[in-house]
């Protein structure tokens, strides 16, 4: 596909789950059917050599190509089941290849246990990630430099994405579609495949959904309020009073339930809303920053870069092809 705009590598290896290989492949094909020819994905099944690959279910497939210095825009790492150490010994070329691709600008997405490869490459040292719950303890022991997020469905850190379950994996794929093609394409695709019909969170909130995976009713009430009023000035004492707690108890329970301080959670809400508007409106960065609750652009930019590793301007440039404009509309993003 010579006119393809983005190159996607779907890494395959013995033990990979077919559903996470073909699911991604078919999703990007569905996107291509909705896109003009100059905004197409070229998807390659890629392996370390030309030998047949035996998938988890026993099927054997052949890769389209082998790993090389050819650059990719996105690399998908399939979920798998097996001996992690054995895989490392069997495929020693994968980690250094991922390091080179990431250094050249590629996004890397590990579907559930597939994130193991990014951790093995050292790309997550000092960073955040999640994974399938059955592997979490093993990964915590094997990669102690990674901040493993047990309660978060999907995580993005420094262009590396991870998920912790089948539904979260589909959320991750749709989020990546939005990163490349915009919210309209991702939302339309989700509707067409009848996905997300019973979800409680917006597809845009890849970094927010996991903070709801707890059973503290009082903290859920606080999150409900913050989700609706995040653009306003927030007094933690007043919020604690509203749900019948002391400020100290509220902060302690909030952090225990979500893994984040209330102030940090509020920052995440604001930045997720800003990310959506940066990609889907023509509003100025100053307008967006003030619109999500920051009093000046300096504070907004500082917090944005802390949570995303890029500035608001860099984030907008990364989302849009050269010369492309977002619809000139005001965007409302619901949290919950």
C-alpha atoms as a PDB file:
ATOM      1  CA  UNK A   1       0.000   0.000   0.000  1.00  0.00           C
ATOM      2  CA  UNK A   2       2.311   2.717  -1.283  1.00  0.00           C
ATOM      3  CA  UNK A   3      -0.053   5.560  -0.366  1.00  0.00           C
ATOM      4  CA  UNK A   4      -0.334   4.510   3.291  1.00  0.00           C
ATOM      5  CA  UNK A   5       0.231   7.355   5.720  1.00  0.00           C
ATOM      6  CA  UNK A   6       0.975   5.292   8.818  1.00  0.00           C
ATOM      7  CA  UNK A   7       2.867   2.026   9.174  1.00  0.00           C
ATOM      8  CA  UNK A   8       1.740  -0.386  11.878  1.00  0.00           C
ATOM      9  CA  UNK A   9       3.728  -3.445  12.949  1.00  0.00           C
ATOM     10  CA  UNK A  10       1.827  -6.250  14.672  1.00  0.00           C
ATOM     11  CA  UNK A  11       4.562  -8.237  16.385  1.00  0.00           C
ATOM     12  CA  UNK A  12       3.930 -11.993  16.404  1.00  0.00           C
ATOM     13  CA  UNK A  13       5.782 -14.716  18.266  1.00  0.00           C
ATOM     14  CA  UNK A  14       5.087 -18.217  19.547  1.00  0.00           C
ATOM     15  CA  UNK A  15       2.272 -18.160  22.097  1.00  0.00           C
ATOM     16  CA  UNK A  16       0.690 -14.896  20.945  1.00  0.00           C
ATOM     17  CA  UNK A  17      -3.097 -14.751  21.206  1.00  0.00           C
ATOM     18  CA  UNK A  18      -4.723 -14.708  17.772  1.00  0.00           C
ATOM     19  CA  UNK A  19      -7.580 -12.511  19.004  1.00  0.00           C
ATOM     20  CA  UNK A  20      -5.199  -9.697  19.939  1.00  0.00           C
ATOM     21  CA  UNK A  21      -3.351 -10.010  16.629  1.00  0.00           C
ATOM     22  CA  UNK A  22      -6.314 -10.230  14.283  1.00  0.00           C
ATOM     23  CA  UNK A  23      -8.516  -7.974  16.399  1.00  0.00           C
ATOM     24  CA  UNK A  24      -6.083  -5.101  15.920  1.00  0.00           C
ATOM     25  CA  UNK A  25      -5.541  -5.971  12.267  1.00  0.00           C
ATOM     26  CA  UNK A  26      -9.255  -5.930  11.500  1.00  0.00           C
ATOM     27  CA  UNK A  27      -9.836  -2.741  13.474  1.00  0.00           C
ATOM     28  CA  UNK A  28      -7.249  -0.836  11.437  1.00  0.00           C
ATOM     29  CA  UNK A  29      -8.701  -2.324   8.235  1.00  0.00           C
ATOM     30  CA  UNK A  30     -12.113  -0.991   9.288  1.00  0.00           C
ATOM     31  CA  UNK A  31     -10.544   2.431   9.795  1.00  0.00           C
ATOM     32  CA  UNK A  32      -9.045   2.290   6.294  1.00  0.00           C
ATOM     33  CA  UNK A  33     -12.521   1.763   4.833  1.00  0.00           C
ATOM     34  CA  UNK A  34     -13.561   5.067   6.436  1.00  0.00           C
ATOM     35  CA  UNK A  35     -10.488   7.071   5.475  1.00  0.00           C
ATOM     36  CA  UNK A  36      -9.316   8.711   2.226  1.00  0.00           C
ATOM     37  CA  UNK A  37      -6.389   7.061   0.453  1.00  0.00           C
ATOM     38  CA  UNK A  38      -3.874   9.541   1.847  1.00  0.00           C
ATOM     39  CA  UNK A  39      -4.791   8.596   5.440  1.00  0.00           C
ATOM     40  CA  UNK A  40      -4.472   4.824   5.368  1.00  0.00           C
ATOM     41  CA  UNK A  41      -2.755   2.337   7.665  1.00  0.00           C
ATOM     42  CA  UNK A  42      -0.364  -0.269   6.336  1.00  0.00           C
ATOM     43  CA  UNK A  43      -0.362  -3.179   8.764  1.00  0.00           C
ATOM     44  CA  UNK A  44       2.454  -5.746   8.743  1.00  0.00           C
ATOM     45  CA  UNK A  45       2.586  -8.988  10.682  1.00  0.00           C
ATOM     46  CA  UNK A  46       6.212  -8.916  11.769  1.00  0.00           C
ATOM     47  CA  UNK A  47       8.467 -11.477  13.460  1.00  0.00           C
ATOM     48  CA  UNK A  48      12.160 -11.963  14.177  1.00  0.00           C
ATOM     49  CA  UNK A  49      12.697 -14.431  11.319  1.00  0.00           C
ATOM     50  CA  UNK A  50      10.852 -16.157   8.495  1.00  0.00           C
ATOM     51  CA  UNK A  51       9.922 -19.236  10.531  1.00  0.00           C
ATOM     52  CA  UNK A  52       6.194 -20.028  10.990  1.00  0.00           C
ATOM     53  CA  UNK A  53       4.657 -18.772  14.242  1.00  0.00           C
ATOM     54  CA  UNK A  54       2.463 -21.016  16.385  1.00  0.00           C
ATOM     55  CA  UNK A  55      -0.215 -18.978  18.109  1.00  0.00           C
ATOM     56  CA  UNK A  56      -1.657 -19.695  21.557  1.00  0.00           C
ATOM     57  CA  UNK A  57      -4.622 -21.596  20.088  1.00  0.00           C
ATOM     58  CA  UNK A  58      -2.391 -23.888  18.041  1.00  0.00           C
ATOM     59  CA  UNK A  59      -2.802 -22.209  14.654  1.00  0.00           C
ATOM     60  CA  UNK A  60       0.290 -21.525  12.586  1.00  0.00           C
ATOM     61  CA  UNK A  61       0.740 -18.251  10.707  1.00  0.00           C
ATOM     62  CA  UNK A  62       3.462 -16.641   8.646  1.00  0.00           C
ATOM     63  CA  UNK A  63       4.714 -13.100   9.097  1.00  0.00           C
ATOM     64  CA  UNK A  64       4.642 -10.556   6.275  1.00  0.00           C
ATOM     65  CA  UNK A  65       8.150  -9.366   7.072  1.00  0.00           C
ATOM     66  CA  UNK A  66      10.921  -9.562   9.658  1.00  0.00           C
ATOM     67  CA  UNK A  67      12.212  -6.914  12.035  1.00  0.00           C
ATOM     68  CA  UNK A  68      14.679  -4.468  10.497  1.00  0.00           C
ATOM     69  CA  UNK A  69      15.611  -0.794  10.610  1.00  0.00           C
ATOM     70  CA  UNK A  70      12.498   0.132   8.622  1.00  0.00           C
ATOM     71  CA  UNK A  71      10.584   2.673  10.775  1.00  0.00           C
ATOM     72  CA  UNK A  72       7.047   2.189  12.067  1.00  0.00           C
ATOM     73  CA  UNK A  73       4.568   4.678  13.485  1.00  0.00           C
ATOM     74  CA  UNK A  74       2.947   2.144  15.809  1.00  0.00           C
ATOM     75  CA  UNK A  75       3.973  -1.262  17.109  1.00  0.00           C
ATOM     76  CA  UNK A  76       1.330  -3.551  18.628  1.00  0.00           C
ATOM     77  CA  UNK A  77       2.565  -6.214  21.068  1.00  0.00           C
ATOM     78  CA  UNK A  78       0.121  -9.116  21.298  1.00  0.00           C
ATOM     79  CA  UNK A  79      -1.110 -10.674  24.525  1.00  0.00           C
ATOM     80  CA  UNK A  80       0.339 -14.120  25.171  1.00  0.00           C
ATOM     81  CA  UNK A  81       0.512 -16.952  27.636  1.00  0.00           C
ATOM     82  CA  UNK A  82       3.684 -18.793  28.464  1.00  0.00           C
ATOM     83  CA  UNK A  83       7.086 -18.748  30.091  1.00  0.00           C
ATOM     84  CA  UNK A  84       8.348 -15.156  29.983  1.00  0.00           C
ATOM     85  CA  UNK A  85      11.963 -16.140  30.507  1.00  0.00           C
ATOM     86  CA  UNK A  86      11.770 -18.701  27.710  1.00  0.00           C
ATOM     87  CA  UNK A  87      10.334 -16.092  25.353  1.00  0.00           C
ATOM     88  CA  UNK A  88      13.169 -13.713  26.166  1.00  0.00           C
ATOM     89  CA  UNK A  89      15.709 -16.396  25.359  1.00  0.00           C
ATOM     90  CA  UNK A  90      13.856 -17.396  22.206  1.00  0.00           C
ATOM     91  CA  UNK A  91      13.553 -13.841  20.844  1.00  0.00           C
ATOM     92  CA  UNK A  92      16.589 -11.811  22.009  1.00  0.00           C
ATOM     93  CA  UNK A  93      16.306  -9.450  19.023  1.00  0.00           C
ATOM     94  CA  UNK A  94      12.907  -8.021  20.044  1.00  0.00           C
ATOM     95  CA  UNK A  95      13.907  -5.715  22.976  1.00  0.00           C
ATOM     96  CA  UNK A  96      16.723  -3.860  21.136  1.00  0.00           C
ATOM     97  CA  UNK A  97      14.487  -3.503  18.077  1.00  0.00           C
ATOM     98  CA  UNK A  98      11.790  -1.877  20.230  1.00  0.00           C
ATOM     99  CA  UNK A  99      14.358   0.513  21.715  1.00  0.00           C
ATOM    100  CA  UNK A 100      15.398   1.660  18.217  1.00  0.00           C
ATOM    101  CA  UNK A 101      11.815   2.013  17.007  1.00  0.00           C
ATOM    102  CA  UNK A 102      10.784   4.017  20.074  1.00  0.00           C
ATOM    103  CA  UNK A 103      13.844   6.267  19.720  1.00  0.00           C
ATOM    104  CA  UNK A 104      12.758   6.939  16.134  1.00  0.00           C
ATOM    105  CA  UNK A 105       9.315   8.089  17.289  1.00  0.00           C
ATOM    106  CA  UNK A 106       7.188   4.943  17.200  1.00  0.00           C
ATOM    107  CA  UNK A 107       4.314   4.501  19.604  1.00  0.00           C
ATOM    108  CA  UNK A 108       4.369   1.099  21.300  1.00  0.00           C
ATOM    109  CA  UNK A 109       1.185  -0.569  22.558  1.00  0.00           C
ATOM    110  CA  UNK A 110       1.314  -3.695  24.698  1.00  0.00           C
ATOM    111  CA  UNK A 111      -1.988  -5.537  24.780  1.00  0.00           C
ATOM    112  CA  UNK A 112      -2.267  -6.934  28.315  1.00  0.00           C
ATOM    113  CA  UNK A 113       0.783  -9.197  28.886  1.00  0.00           C
ATOM    114  CA  UNK A 114       2.329  -7.978  25.629  1.00  0.00           C
ATOM    115  CA  UNK A 115       3.665  -4.972  27.546  1.00  0.00           C
ATOM    116  CA  UNK A 116       6.276  -7.400  28.910  1.00  0.00           C
ATOM    117  CA  UNK A 117       8.395  -6.733  25.822  1.00  0.00           C
ATOM    118  CA  UNK A 118       8.537  -2.970  26.482  1.00  0.00           C
ATOM    119  CA  UNK A 119       9.473  -3.605  30.107  1.00  0.00           C
ATOM    120  CA  UNK A 120      12.132  -6.105  29.058  1.00  0.00           C
ATOM    121  CA  UNK A 121      13.567  -3.477  26.700  1.00  0.00           C
ATOM    122  CA  UNK A 122      13.906  -1.036  29.611  1.00  0.00           C
ATOM    123  CA  UNK A 123      11.546   1.445  27.981  1.00  0.00           C
ATOM    124  CA  UNK A 124       9.305   1.564  31.046  1.00  0.00           C
ATOM    125  CA  UNK A 125      11.985   2.091  33.696  1.00  0.00           C
ATOM    126  CA  UNK A 126      10.741   4.912  35.912  1.00  0.00           C
ATOM    127  CA  UNK A 127       7.453   4.983  34.008  1.00  0.00           C
ATOM    128  CA  UNK A 128       3.900   3.724  34.498  1.00  0.00           C
ATOM    129  CA  UNK A 129       2.119   0.738  32.961  1.00  0.00           C
ATOM    130  CA  UNK A 130      -0.577  -1.838  33.605  1.00  0.00           C
ATOM    131  CA  UNK A 131      -1.038  -5.454  32.567  1.00  0.00           C
ATOM    132  CA  UNK A 132      -3.342  -8.446  32.866  1.00  0.00           C
ATOM    133  CA  UNK A 133      -3.970  -9.068  36.562  1.00  0.00           C
ATOM    134  CA  UNK A 134      -2.656 -12.648  36.537  1.00  0.00           C
ATOM    135  CA  UNK A 135       0.787 -11.408  35.481  1.00  0.00           C
ATOM    136  CA  UNK A 136       0.927  -8.336  37.686  1.00  0.00           C
ATOM    137  CA  UNK A 137       2.781  -9.834  40.648  1.00  0.00           C
ATOM    138  CA  UNK A 138       5.332 -11.547  38.419  1.00  0.00           C
ATOM    139  CA  UNK A 139       5.929  -8.326  36.492  1.00  0.00           C
ATOM    140  CA  UNK A 140       6.307  -6.339  39.719  1.00  0.00           C
ATOM    141  CA  UNK A 141       9.068  -8.702  40.825  1.00  0.00           C
ATOM    142  CA  UNK A 142      10.744  -8.897  37.435  1.00  0.00           C
ATOM    143  CA  UNK A 143      10.579  -5.182  36.630  1.00  0.00           C
ATOM    144  CA  UNK A 144      10.705  -3.258  39.937  1.00  0.00           C
ATOM    145  CA  UNK A 145      11.635   0.008  38.197  1.00  0.00           C
ATOM    146  CA  UNK A 146       8.188   0.162  36.565  1.00  0.00           C
ATOM    147  CA  UNK A 147       5.265   1.748  38.425  1.00  0.00           C
ATOM    148  CA  UNK A 148       2.667  -0.971  37.810  1.00  0.00           C
ATOM    149  CA  UNK A 149      -0.877   0.411  38.043  1.00  0.00           C
ATOM    150  CA  UNK A 150      -3.005  -2.444  39.379  1.00  0.00           C
ATOM    151  CA  UNK A 151      -6.275  -0.480  39.368  1.00  0.00           C
ATOM    152  CA  UNK A 152      -5.958   1.220  36.008  1.00  0.00           C
ATOM    153  CA  UNK A 153      -7.525  -0.255  32.877  1.00  0.00           C
ATOM    154  CA  UNK A 154      -5.243   1.515  30.414  1.00  0.00           C
ATOM    155  CA  UNK A 155      -2.118   3.610  30.817  1.00  0.00           C
ATOM    156  CA  UNK A 156      -0.166   5.896  28.522  1.00  0.00           C
ATOM    157  CA  UNK A 157       3.374   6.973  29.348  1.00  0.00           C
ATOM    158  CA  UNK A 158       5.971   8.446  26.984  1.00  0.00           C
ATOM    159  CA  UNK A 159       4.332   6.990  23.851  1.00  0.00           C
ATOM    160  CA  UNK A 160       4.000   3.544  25.421  1.00  0.00           C
ATOM    161  CA  UNK A 161       0.496   2.209  25.992  1.00  0.00           C
ATOM    162  CA  UNK A 162      -0.741  -0.734  28.055  1.00  0.00           C
ATOM    163  CA  UNK A 163      -4.037  -2.386  29.021  1.00  0.00           C
ATOM    164  CA  UNK A 164      -5.193  -4.920  31.598  1.00  0.00           C
ATOM    165  CA  UNK A 165      -8.032  -6.938  30.077  1.00  0.00           C
ATOM    166  CA  UNK A 166     -10.016  -7.842  26.965  1.00  0.00           C
ATOM    167  CA  UNK A 167     -12.338  -4.827  27.097  1.00  0.00           C
ATOM    168  CA  UNK A 168      -9.460  -2.546  28.061  1.00  0.00           C
ATOM    169  CA  UNK A 169      -7.518  -3.878  25.060  1.00  0.00           C
ATOM    170  CA  UNK A 170     -10.307  -2.780  22.724  1.00  0.00           C
ATOM    171  CA  UNK A 171     -10.439   0.594  24.476  1.00  0.00           C
ATOM    172  CA  UNK A 172      -6.707   0.861  23.890  1.00  0.00           C
ATOM    173  CA  UNK A 173      -7.045   0.093  20.176  1.00  0.00           C
ATOM    174  CA  UNK A 174      -9.821   2.642  19.771  1.00  0.00           C
ATOM    175  CA  UNK A 175      -7.810   5.214  21.700  1.00  0.00           C
ATOM    176  CA  UNK A 176      -4.916   4.668  19.281  1.00  0.00           C
ATOM    177  CA  UNK A 177      -7.291   5.129  16.352  1.00  0.00           C
ATOM    178  CA  UNK A 178      -8.321   8.436  17.910  1.00  0.00           C
ATOM    179  CA  UNK A 179      -4.671   9.449  18.370  1.00  0.00           C
ATOM    180  CA  UNK A 180      -4.022   8.984  14.655  1.00  0.00           C
ATOM    181  CA  UNK A 181      -7.397   9.759  13.071  1.00  0.00           C
ATOM    182  CA  UNK A 182      -9.374  11.856  15.544  1.00  0.00           C
ATOM    183  CA  UNK A 183     -12.328  11.344  17.865  1.00  0.00           C
ATOM    184  CA  UNK A 184     -14.984  11.235  15.140  1.00  0.00           C
ATOM    185  CA  UNK A 185     -13.518   8.173  13.415  1.00  0.00           C
ATOM    186  CA  UNK A 186     -12.946   6.353  16.723  1.00  0.00           C
ATOM    187  CA  UNK A 187     -16.454   7.067  18.020  1.00  0.00           C
ATOM    188  CA  UNK A 188     -18.065   6.086  14.721  1.00  0.00           C
ATOM    189  CA  UNK A 189     -16.154   2.831  14.645  1.00  0.00           C
ATOM    190  CA  UNK A 190     -17.116   2.042  18.244  1.00  0.00           C
ATOM    191  CA  UNK A 191     -20.784   2.577  17.390  1.00  0.00           C
ATOM    192  CA  UNK A 192     -20.589   0.454  14.241  1.00  0.00           C
ATOM    193  CA  UNK A 193     -19.077  -2.535  16.019  1.00  0.00           C
ATOM    194  CA  UNK A 194     -21.509  -2.102  18.950  1.00  0.00           C
ATOM    195  CA  UNK A 195     -18.657  -1.693  21.381  1.00  0.00           C
ATOM    196  CA  UNK A 196     -18.833   0.206  24.654  1.00  0.00           C
ATOM    197  CA  UNK A 197     -22.593  -0.225  24.992  1.00  0.00           C
ATOM    198  CA  UNK A 198     -22.248  -1.004  28.709  1.00  0.00           C
ATOM    199  CA  UNK A 199     -19.198   1.020  29.624  1.00  0.00           C
ATOM    200  CA  UNK A 200     -19.298   3.658  32.346  1.00  0.00           C
ATOM    201  CA  UNK A 201     -16.502   5.838  31.033  1.00  0.00           C
ATOM    202  CA  UNK A 202     -15.763   7.841  27.916  1.00  0.00           C
ATOM    203  CA  UNK A 203     -13.439   6.347  25.307  1.00  0.00           C
ATOM    204  CA  UNK A 204     -11.249   9.423  25.545  1.00  0.00           C
ATOM    205  CA  UNK A 205     -10.421   8.786  29.181  1.00  0.00           C
ATOM    206  CA  UNK A 206      -7.727   6.152  28.773  1.00  0.00           C
ATOM    207  CA  UNK A 207      -5.871   7.548  31.797  1.00  0.00           C
ATOM    208  CA  UNK A 208      -8.977   8.034  33.955  1.00  0.00           C
ATOM    209  CA  UNK A 209     -11.040   4.849  33.663  1.00  0.00           C
ATOM    210  CA  UNK A 210      -8.850   2.728  35.919  1.00  0.00           C
ATOM    211  CA  UNK A 211      -9.267   5.083  38.861  1.00  0.00           C
ATOM    212  CA  UNK A 212     -12.880   3.895  39.132  1.00  0.00           C
ATOM    213  CA  UNK A 213     -11.976   0.281  39.835  1.00  0.00           C
ATOM    214  CA  UNK A 214     -12.636   0.311  43.582  1.00  0.00           C
ATOM    215  CA  UNK A 215     -15.592  -0.185  45.925  1.00  0.00           C
ATOM    216  CA  UNK A 216     -15.436   2.870  48.160  1.00  0.00           C
ATOM    217  CA  UNK A 217     -18.875   4.422  47.666  1.00  0.00           C
ATOM    218  CA  UNK A 218     -17.904   7.683  49.343  1.00  0.00           C
ATOM    219  CA  UNK A 219     -14.931   8.157  47.047  1.00  0.00           C
ATOM    220  CA  UNK A 220     -17.071   7.321  44.010  1.00  0.00           C
ATOM    221  CA  UNK A 221     -19.374  10.152  45.101  1.00  0.00           C
ATOM    222  CA  UNK A 222     -16.408  12.497  45.337  1.00  0.00           C
ATOM    223  CA  UNK A 223     -15.235  11.412  41.890  1.00  0.00           C
ATOM    224  CA  UNK A 224     -18.734  11.982  40.503  1.00  0.00           C
ATOM    225  CA  UNK A 225     -18.594  15.552  41.797  1.00  0.00           C
ATOM    226  CA  UNK A 226     -15.076  16.179  40.492  1.00  0.00           C
ATOM    227  CA  UNK A 227     -16.005  14.718  37.096  1.00  0.00           C
ATOM    228  CA  UNK A 228     -18.777  17.299  36.791  1.00  0.00           C
ATOM    229  CA  UNK A 229     -16.993  20.309  38.316  1.00  0.00           C
ATOM    230  CA  UNK A 230     -13.329  19.843  37.404  1.00  0.00           C
ATOM    231  CA  UNK A 231     -13.207  23.187  35.585  1.00  0.00           C
ATOM    232  CA  UNK A 232     -14.058  25.041  38.800  1.00  0.00           C
ATOM    233  CA  UNK A 233     -11.915  25.977  41.792  1.00  0.00           C
ATOM    234  CA  UNK A 234     -11.975  22.984  44.134  1.00  0.00           C
ATOM    235  CA  UNK A 235     -11.647  23.176  47.929  1.00  0.00           C
ATOM    236  CA  UNK A 236     -10.838  19.746  49.335  1.00  0.00           C
ATOM    237  CA  UNK A 237     -12.256  20.643  52.746  1.00  0.00           C
ATOM    238  CA  UNK A 238     -15.615  21.562  51.204  1.00  0.00           C
ATOM    239  CA  UNK A 239     -15.635  18.369  49.125  1.00  0.00           C
ATOM    240  CA  UNK A 240     -14.780  16.263  52.170  1.00  0.00           C
ATOM    241  CA  UNK A 241     -17.601  17.923  54.129  1.00  0.00           C
ATOM    242  CA  UNK A 242     -19.990  17.213  51.276  1.00  0.00           C
ATOM    243  CA  UNK A 243     -19.423  13.457  51.530  1.00  0.00           C
ATOM    244  CA  UNK A 244     -19.280  13.430  55.320  1.00  0.00           C
ATOM    245  CA  UNK A 245     -15.569  13.001  55.983  1.00  0.00           C
ATOM    246  CA  UNK A 246     -12.808  14.991  57.558  1.00  0.00           C
ATOM    247  CA  UNK A 247     -10.294  16.369  55.088  1.00  0.00           C
ATOM    248  CA  UNK A 248      -7.568  14.064  56.401  1.00  0.00           C
ATOM    249  CA  UNK A 249      -9.781  10.963  56.156  1.00  0.00           C
ATOM    250  CA  UNK A 250     -10.956  11.964  52.686  1.00  0.00           C
ATOM    251  CA  UNK A 251      -7.410  12.345  51.334  1.00  0.00           C
ATOM    252  CA  UNK A 252      -6.332   9.043  52.903  1.00  0.00           C
ATOM    253  CA  UNK A 253      -9.323   7.089  51.559  1.00  0.00           C
ATOM    254  CA  UNK A 254      -9.132   8.709  48.135  1.00  0.00           C
ATOM    255  CA  UNK A 255      -5.485   7.741  47.752  1.00  0.00           C
ATOM    256  CA  UNK A 256      -6.130   4.212  49.027  1.00  0.00           C
ATOM    257  CA  UNK A 257      -9.034   3.691  46.604  1.00  0.00           C
ATOM    258  CA  UNK A 258      -7.560   5.282  43.486  1.00  0.00           C
ATOM    259  CA  UNK A 259      -3.811   5.265  44.008  1.00  0.00           C
ATOM    260  CA  UNK A 260      -3.749   9.051  43.524  1.00  0.00           C
ATOM    261  CA  UNK A 261      -4.139  12.116  45.724  1.00  0.00           C
ATOM    262  CA  UNK A 262      -7.354  14.072  45.036  1.00  0.00           C
ATOM    263  CA  UNK A 263      -5.346  17.038  43.701  1.00  0.00           C
ATOM    264  CA  UNK A 264      -3.484  14.793  41.254  1.00  0.00           C
ATOM    265  CA  UNK A 265      -6.719  13.165  40.118  1.00  0.00           C
ATOM    266  CA  UNK A 266      -8.172  16.625  39.482  1.00  0.00           C
ATOM    267  CA  UNK A 267      -5.128  17.470  37.357  1.00  0.00           C
ATOM    268  CA  UNK A 268      -5.631  14.298  35.333  1.00  0.00           C
ATOM    269  CA  UNK A 269      -9.289  15.150  34.695  1.00  0.00           C
ATOM    270  CA  UNK A 270      -8.350  18.599  33.448  1.00  0.00           C
ATOM    271  CA  UNK A 271      -5.519  17.368  31.226  1.00  0.00           C
ATOM    272  CA  UNK A 272      -7.642  14.600  29.680  1.00  0.00           C
ATOM    273  CA  UNK A 273     -10.290  17.192  28.831  1.00  0.00           C
ATOM    274  CA  UNK A 274      -7.592  19.462  27.395  1.00  0.00           C
ATOM    275  CA  UNK A 275      -6.177  16.620  25.272  1.00  0.00           C
ATOM    276  CA  UNK A 276      -9.613  16.018  23.782  1.00  0.00           C
ATOM    277  CA  UNK A 277     -10.067  19.695  22.940  1.00  0.00           C
ATOM    278  CA  UNK A 278      -6.544  20.085  21.554  1.00  0.00           C
ATOM    279  CA  UNK A 279      -7.283  17.341  19.067  1.00  0.00           C
ATOM    280  CA  UNK A 280     -10.861  18.232  18.200  1.00  0.00           C
ATOM    281  CA  UNK A 281     -11.215  22.021  18.276  1.00  0.00           C
ATOM    282  CA  UNK A 282      -9.387  25.025  16.884  1.00  0.00           C
ATOM    283  CA  UNK A 283      -9.452  26.810  20.236  1.00  0.00           C
ATOM    284  CA  UNK A 284      -6.200  28.458  21.291  1.00  0.00           C
ATOM    285  CA  UNK A 285      -4.056  26.722  23.893  1.00  0.00           C
ATOM    286  CA  UNK A 286      -4.710  29.571  26.333  1.00  0.00           C
ATOM    287  CA  UNK A 287      -8.466  29.254  25.847  1.00  0.00           C
ATOM    288  CA  UNK A 288      -8.321  25.502  26.368  1.00  0.00           C
ATOM    289  CA  UNK A 289      -6.187  25.824  29.502  1.00  0.00           C
ATOM    290  CA  UNK A 290      -8.532  28.349  31.068  1.00  0.00           C
ATOM    291  CA  UNK A 291     -11.525  26.315  29.934  1.00  0.00           C
ATOM    292  CA  UNK A 292     -10.408  23.249  31.885  1.00  0.00           C
ATOM    293  CA  UNK A 293      -9.674  25.148  35.084  1.00  0.00           C
ATOM    294  CA  UNK A 294      -6.224  26.768  34.918  1.00  0.00           C
ATOM    295  CA  UNK A 295      -5.800  30.471  35.569  1.00  0.00           C
ATOM    296  CA  UNK A 296      -2.781  30.978  33.316  1.00  0.00           C
ATOM    297  CA  UNK A 297      -1.134  29.203  30.409  1.00  0.00           C
ATOM    298  CA  UNK A 298       2.142  28.713  32.277  1.00  0.00           C
ATOM    299  CA  UNK A 299       0.534  26.542  34.980  1.00  0.00           C
ATOM    300  CA  UNK A 300      -1.483  24.657  32.375  1.00  0.00           C
ATOM    301  CA  UNK A 301       1.564  23.907  30.211  1.00  0.00           C
ATOM    302  CA  UNK A 302       3.629  22.792  33.204  1.00  0.00           C
ATOM    303  CA  UNK A 303       1.031  20.319  34.447  1.00  0.00           C
ATOM    304  CA  UNK A 304       0.285  19.117  30.903  1.00  0.00           C
ATOM    305  CA  UNK A 305       3.938  18.281  30.251  1.00  0.00           C
ATOM    306  CA  UNK A 306       4.299  16.593  33.637  1.00  0.00           C
ATOM    307  CA  UNK A 307       1.451  14.190  32.849  1.00  0.00           C
ATOM    308  CA  UNK A 308       2.032  13.645  29.125  1.00  0.00           C
ATOM    309  CA  UNK A 309       5.774  14.310  28.594  1.00  0.00           C
ATOM    310  CA  UNK A 310       4.979  16.847  25.854  1.00  0.00           C
ATOM    311  CA  UNK A 311       3.717  20.424  25.748  1.00  0.00           C
ATOM    312  CA  UNK A 312       0.128  21.194  24.671  1.00  0.00           C
ATOM    313  CA  UNK A 313       1.450  22.531  21.358  1.00  0.00           C
ATOM    314  CA  UNK A 314       3.522  19.400  20.733  1.00  0.00           C
ATOM    315  CA  UNK A 315       0.534  17.223  21.590  1.00  0.00           C
ATOM    316  CA  UNK A 316      -1.676  19.050  19.084  1.00  0.00           C
ATOM    317  CA  UNK A 317       0.977  18.851  16.377  1.00  0.00           C
ATOM    318  CA  UNK A 318       1.441  15.144  16.987  1.00  0.00           C
ATOM    319  CA  UNK A 319      -2.283  14.429  16.613  1.00  0.00           C
ATOM    320  CA  UNK A 320      -2.827  16.294  13.369  1.00  0.00           C
ATOM    321  CA  UNK A 321      -1.299  15.765   9.935  1.00  0.00           C
ATOM    322  CA  UNK A 322       0.509  18.801   8.551  1.00  0.00           C
ATOM    323  CA  UNK A 323      -1.956  21.445   7.474  1.00  0.00           C
ATOM    324  CA  UNK A 324      -5.011  19.643   8.848  1.00  0.00           C
ATOM    325  CA  UNK A 325      -7.554  21.550  10.905  1.00  0.00           C
ATOM    326  CA  UNK A 326      -9.951  20.313  13.532  1.00  0.00           C
ATOM    327  CA  UNK A 327     -13.631  21.195  13.304  1.00  0.00           C
ATOM    328  CA  UNK A 328     -14.249  24.696  14.633  1.00  0.00           C
ATOM    329  CA  UNK A 329     -16.594  23.488  17.338  1.00  0.00           C
ATOM    330  CA  UNK A 330     -16.780  23.634  21.083  1.00  0.00           C
ATOM    331  CA  UNK A 331     -16.285  20.189  22.572  1.00  0.00           C
ATOM    332  CA  UNK A 332     -17.961  18.858  25.680  1.00  0.00           C
ATOM    333  CA  UNK A 333     -16.416  15.831  27.341  1.00  0.00           C
ATOM    334  CA  UNK A 334     -18.324  13.855  29.934  1.00  0.00           C
ATOM    335  CA  UNK A 335     -16.582  12.021  32.743  1.00  0.00           C
ATOM    336  CA  UNK A 336     -18.009   9.250  34.803  1.00  0.00           C
END
